[in-house]
C-alpha atoms as a PDB file:
ATOM      1  CA  UNK A   1      19.335   3.449  30.827  1.00  0.00           C
ATOM      2  CA  UNK A   2      20.643   5.599  27.977  1.00  0.00           C
ATOM      3  CA  UNK A   3      18.428   6.842  25.189  1.00  0.00           C
ATOM      4  CA  UNK A   4      19.877   7.312  21.742  1.00  0.00           C
ATOM      5  CA  UNK A   5      18.571  10.218  19.733  1.00  0.00           C
ATOM      6  CA  UNK A   6      19.454   8.363  16.538  1.00  0.00           C
ATOM      7  CA  UNK A   7      20.351  10.061  13.298  1.00  0.00           C
ATOM      8  CA  UNK A   8      18.979  13.495  12.568  1.00  0.00           C
ATOM      9  CA  UNK A   9      16.121  13.711  10.088  1.00  0.00           C
ATOM     10  CA  UNK A  10      16.839  15.926   7.114  1.00  0.00           C
ATOM     11  CA  UNK A  11      14.262  17.176   4.662  1.00  0.00           C
ATOM     12  CA  UNK A  12      16.027  17.670   1.365  1.00  0.00           C
ATOM     13  CA  UNK A  13      14.816  20.288  -1.110  1.00  0.00           C
ATOM     14  CA  UNK A  14      13.258  19.146  -4.377  1.00  0.00           C
ATOM     15  CA  UNK A  15      14.351  20.701  -7.668  1.00  0.00           C
ATOM     16  CA  UNK A  16      11.950  23.394  -8.902  1.00  0.00           C
ATOM     17  CA  UNK A  17       9.235  21.902 -11.097  1.00  0.00           C
ATOM     18  CA  UNK A  18       9.812  18.333  -9.833  1.00  0.00           C
ATOM     19  CA  UNK A  19       7.149  18.367  -7.121  1.00  0.00           C
ATOM     20  CA  UNK A  20       4.784  20.698  -5.286  1.00  0.00           C
ATOM     21  CA  UNK A  21       6.174  23.095  -2.677  1.00  0.00           C
ATOM     22  CA  UNK A  22       5.651  20.415   0.000  1.00  0.00           C
ATOM     23  CA  UNK A  23       8.225  18.199  -1.720  1.00  0.00           C
ATOM     24  CA  UNK A  24       5.644  15.395  -1.857  1.00  0.00           C
ATOM     25  CA  UNK A  25       4.240  13.754  -4.947  1.00  0.00           C
ATOM     26  CA  UNK A  26       0.723  12.325  -5.211  1.00  0.00           C
ATOM     27  CA  UNK A  27       0.753   8.945  -6.961  1.00  0.00           C
ATOM     28  CA  UNK A  28      -2.242   8.565  -9.260  1.00  0.00           C
ATOM     29  CA  UNK A  29      -1.959   5.566 -11.598  1.00  0.00           C
ATOM     30  CA  UNK A  30      -2.965   6.358 -15.164  1.00  0.00           C
ATOM     31  CA  UNK A  31      -6.569   5.565 -15.960  1.00  0.00           C
ATOM     32  CA  UNK A  32      -7.716   5.278 -12.353  1.00  0.00           C
ATOM     33  CA  UNK A  33     -10.631   7.373 -11.091  1.00  0.00           C
ATOM     34  CA  UNK A  34      -9.440  10.306  -8.971  1.00  0.00           C
ATOM     35  CA  UNK A  35     -10.141   9.491  -5.322  1.00  0.00           C
ATOM     36  CA  UNK A  36     -12.192  11.824  -3.145  1.00  0.00           C
ATOM     37  CA  UNK A  37     -10.703  12.835   0.216  1.00  0.00           C
ATOM     38  CA  UNK A  38      -7.505  10.760   0.058  1.00  0.00           C
ATOM     39  CA  UNK A  39      -4.570   9.864  -2.173  1.00  0.00           C
ATOM     40  CA  UNK A  40      -3.839   6.417  -3.599  1.00  0.00           C
ATOM     41  CA  UNK A  41      -0.204   6.950  -2.638  1.00  0.00           C
ATOM     42  CA  UNK A  42       2.454   9.496  -1.720  1.00  0.00           C
ATOM     43  CA  UNK A  43       6.213   9.709  -2.234  1.00  0.00           C
ATOM     44  CA  UNK A  44       8.677  11.993  -0.514  1.00  0.00           C
ATOM     45  CA  UNK A  45      12.193  12.774  -1.734  1.00  0.00           C
ATOM     46  CA  UNK A  46      11.980   9.783  -4.100  1.00  0.00           C
ATOM     47  CA  UNK A  47      13.003   7.454  -1.289  1.00  0.00           C
ATOM     48  CA  UNK A  48       9.899   6.691   0.778  1.00  0.00           C
ATOM     49  CA  UNK A  49       6.729   5.472  -0.960  1.00  0.00           C
ATOM     50  CA  UNK A  50       3.548   5.204   1.121  1.00  0.00           C
ATOM     51  CA  UNK A  51       0.084   4.101   0.021  1.00  0.00           C
ATOM     52  CA  UNK A  52      -3.224   5.050   1.518  1.00  0.00           C
ATOM     53  CA  UNK A  53      -5.584   2.275   2.535  1.00  0.00           C
ATOM     54  CA  UNK A  54      -5.902   0.278  -0.697  1.00  0.00           C
ATOM     55  CA  UNK A  55      -8.822  -2.013  -1.439  1.00  0.00           C
ATOM     56  CA  UNK A  56      -9.493  -4.499  -4.227  1.00  0.00           C
ATOM     57  CA  UNK A  57     -11.492  -2.453  -6.675  1.00  0.00           C
ATOM     58  CA  UNK A  58     -10.546  -2.393 -10.314  1.00  0.00           C
ATOM     59  CA  UNK A  59     -10.173   0.655 -12.584  1.00  0.00           C
ATOM     60  CA  UNK A  60     -13.975   0.744 -12.930  1.00  0.00           C
ATOM     61  CA  UNK A  61     -14.434   0.884  -9.152  1.00  0.00           C
ATOM     62  CA  UNK A  62     -15.814  -2.672  -8.988  1.00  0.00           C
ATOM     63  CA  UNK A  63     -14.974  -4.944  -6.041  1.00  0.00           C
ATOM     64  CA  UNK A  64     -14.884  -8.734  -6.494  1.00  0.00           C
ATOM     65  CA  UNK A  65     -17.296 -10.623  -4.235  1.00  0.00           C
ATOM     66  CA  UNK A  66     -14.879 -13.075  -2.606  1.00  0.00           C
ATOM     67  CA  UNK A  67     -12.048 -12.462  -0.143  1.00  0.00           C
ATOM     68  CA  UNK A  68      -9.162 -13.993  -2.128  1.00  0.00           C
ATOM     69  CA  UNK A  69     -10.102 -12.088  -5.305  1.00  0.00           C
ATOM     70  CA  UNK A  70     -10.235  -8.859  -3.289  1.00  0.00           C
ATOM     71  CA  UNK A  71      -6.783  -9.597  -1.814  1.00  0.00           C
ATOM     72  CA  UNK A  72      -5.379 -10.335  -5.296  1.00  0.00           C
ATOM     73  CA  UNK A  73      -6.711  -7.048  -6.710  1.00  0.00           C
ATOM     74  CA  UNK A  74      -5.582  -5.128  -3.609  1.00  0.00           C
ATOM     75  CA  UNK A  75      -2.014  -6.421  -3.990  1.00  0.00           C
ATOM     76  CA  UNK A  76      -2.105  -5.648  -7.740  1.00  0.00           C
ATOM     77  CA  UNK A  77      -3.287  -2.110  -6.894  1.00  0.00           C
ATOM     78  CA  UNK A  78      -0.469  -1.687  -4.355  1.00  0.00           C
ATOM     79  CA  UNK A  79       2.022  -2.878  -6.980  1.00  0.00           C
ATOM     80  CA  UNK A  80       0.674  -0.251  -9.442  1.00  0.00           C
ATOM     81  CA  UNK A  81       0.959   2.506  -6.836  1.00  0.00           C
ATOM     82  CA  UNK A  82       4.530   1.433  -5.969  1.00  0.00           C
ATOM     83  CA  UNK A  83       5.435   1.549  -9.677  1.00  0.00           C
ATOM     84  CA  UNK A  84       4.076   5.123  -9.873  1.00  0.00           C
ATOM     85  CA  UNK A  85       6.603   6.032  -7.161  1.00  0.00           C
ATOM     86  CA  UNK A  86       9.513   4.197  -8.772  1.00  0.00           C
ATOM     87  CA  UNK A  87       9.302   1.334  -6.287  1.00  0.00           C
ATOM     88  CA  UNK A  88       8.906  -2.408  -6.672  1.00  0.00           C
ATOM     89  CA  UNK A  89       7.447  -5.019  -4.312  1.00  0.00           C
ATOM     90  CA  UNK A  90      10.960  -5.805  -3.083  1.00  0.00           C
ATOM     91  CA  UNK A  91      11.164  -2.261  -1.734  1.00  0.00           C
ATOM     92  CA  UNK A  92       8.241  -2.862   0.652  1.00  0.00           C
ATOM     93  CA  UNK A  93       9.172  -2.417   4.302  1.00  0.00           C
ATOM     94  CA  UNK A  94       5.706  -2.600   5.871  1.00  0.00           C
ATOM     95  CA  UNK A  95       2.187  -3.808   5.124  1.00  0.00           C
ATOM     96  CA  UNK A  96      -0.756  -3.208   7.450  1.00  0.00           C
ATOM     97  CA  UNK A  97      -3.753  -5.398   6.682  1.00  0.00           C
ATOM     98  CA  UNK A  98      -7.262  -4.519   7.857  1.00  0.00           C
ATOM     99  CA  UNK A  99      -9.813  -7.331   7.523  1.00  0.00           C
ATOM    100  CA  UNK A 100     -13.468  -7.472   8.503  1.00  0.00           C
ATOM    101  CA  UNK A 101     -13.282 -11.179   9.418  1.00  0.00           C
ATOM    102  CA  UNK A 102     -10.055 -12.587  10.831  1.00  0.00           C
ATOM    103  CA  UNK A 103     -11.488 -16.120  10.660  1.00  0.00           C
ATOM    104  CA  UNK A 104     -11.944 -15.676   6.897  1.00  0.00           C
ATOM    105  CA  UNK A 105      -8.285 -14.583   6.686  1.00  0.00           C
ATOM    106  CA  UNK A 106      -7.086 -17.549   8.758  1.00  0.00           C
ATOM    107  CA  UNK A 107      -9.216 -20.030   6.801  1.00  0.00           C
ATOM    108  CA  UNK A 108      -7.547 -18.884   3.567  1.00  0.00           C
ATOM    109  CA  UNK A 109      -3.857 -18.782   4.552  1.00  0.00           C
ATOM    110  CA  UNK A 110      -2.696 -21.209   1.851  1.00  0.00           C
ATOM    111  CA  UNK A 111      -4.534 -19.342  -0.939  1.00  0.00           C
ATOM    112  CA  UNK A 112      -3.381 -15.992   0.503  1.00  0.00           C
ATOM    113  CA  UNK A 113       0.249 -17.117   0.455  1.00  0.00           C
ATOM    114  CA  UNK A 114      -0.046 -18.268  -3.150  1.00  0.00           C
ATOM    115  CA  UNK A 115      -1.614 -14.987  -4.320  1.00  0.00           C
ATOM    116  CA  UNK A 116       0.916 -12.938  -2.334  1.00  0.00           C
ATOM    117  CA  UNK A 117       3.903 -14.768  -3.866  1.00  0.00           C
ATOM    118  CA  UNK A 118       2.455 -14.468  -7.395  1.00  0.00           C
ATOM    119  CA  UNK A 119       2.336 -10.682  -7.047  1.00  0.00           C
ATOM    120  CA  UNK A 120       5.089  -9.738  -4.561  1.00  0.00           C
ATOM    121  CA  UNK A 121       7.395 -12.759  -4.808  1.00  0.00           C
ATOM    122  CA  UNK A 122       9.094 -14.222  -1.750  1.00  0.00           C
ATOM    123  CA  UNK A 123       9.702 -10.814  -0.148  1.00  0.00           C
ATOM    124  CA  UNK A 124       8.061 -10.477   3.261  1.00  0.00           C
ATOM    125  CA  UNK A 125       8.207  -7.045   4.889  1.00  0.00           C
ATOM    126  CA  UNK A 126       7.065  -6.242   8.413  1.00  0.00           C
ATOM    127  CA  UNK A 127       3.307  -6.816   8.578  1.00  0.00           C
ATOM    128  CA  UNK A 128       0.417  -6.229  10.919  1.00  0.00           C
ATOM    129  CA  UNK A 129      -3.070  -7.716  10.709  1.00  0.00           C
ATOM    130  CA  UNK A 130      -6.012  -5.934  12.330  1.00  0.00           C
ATOM    131  CA  UNK A 131      -9.656  -6.990  12.408  1.00  0.00           C
ATOM    132  CA  UNK A 132     -12.046  -4.064  12.059  1.00  0.00           C
ATOM    133  CA  UNK A 133     -15.826  -3.772  12.365  1.00  0.00           C
ATOM    134  CA  UNK A 134     -16.099  -2.600   8.757  1.00  0.00           C
ATOM    135  CA  UNK A 135     -14.271  -0.634   6.093  1.00  0.00           C
ATOM    136  CA  UNK A 136     -15.371   2.641   4.473  1.00  0.00           C
ATOM    137  CA  UNK A 137     -16.400   0.778   1.324  1.00  0.00           C
ATOM    138  CA  UNK A 138     -19.107  -1.488   2.721  1.00  0.00           C
ATOM    139  CA  UNK A 139     -18.433  -4.423   0.349  1.00  0.00           C
ATOM    140  CA  UNK A 140     -14.658  -4.406   0.983  1.00  0.00           C
ATOM    141  CA  UNK A 141     -13.358  -7.424   2.956  1.00  0.00           C
ATOM    142  CA  UNK A 142      -9.713  -6.269   3.131  1.00  0.00           C
ATOM    143  CA  UNK A 143      -7.765  -2.994   3.027  1.00  0.00           C
ATOM    144  CA  UNK A 144      -3.965  -2.777   3.053  1.00  0.00           C
ATOM    145  CA  UNK A 145      -1.550   0.103   3.671  1.00  0.00           C
ATOM    146  CA  UNK A 146       1.959  -0.233   2.264  1.00  0.00           C
ATOM    147  CA  UNK A 147       5.263   1.519   2.881  1.00  0.00           C
ATOM    148  CA  UNK A 148       8.280   1.085   0.604  1.00  0.00           C
ATOM    149  CA  UNK A 149      11.807   2.477   0.702  1.00  0.00           C
ATOM    150  CA  UNK A 150      13.630   2.826  -2.603  1.00  0.00           C
ATOM    151  CA  UNK A 151      17.421   2.582  -2.138  1.00  0.00           C
ATOM    152  CA  UNK A 152      19.541   5.574  -3.104  1.00  0.00           C
END
């Protein structure tokens, strides 16, 4: 069996004043409260855009009560973070969903698909779905991490 090393990874320098010394940019949508202990999103070299775990709270920090409304707001929040990094939903390459009740997710597949298409269109990146005991925000029913790649 042969193992390919693949292409070499290069870290390209960022022009002075464009980003911090790390070459990374924190993505903080205008008007959002500044998070404590995490970033809403990060971009590196303008090509890769990665969100933190995003939940469905609005700009006032309020979570809707029901699952589908939380998913809708979560996807809207991801879209806003992508826009901060110069990305669009069609640039998504991966979504990781964390839900507190997989049966609730499965019981709402039709509504989930409708909400997803309204926000992200018919673009379906690689996805994973994980059931967890709970999320950091106790009232959250879903949390999603997103990764996007903006073409050069």
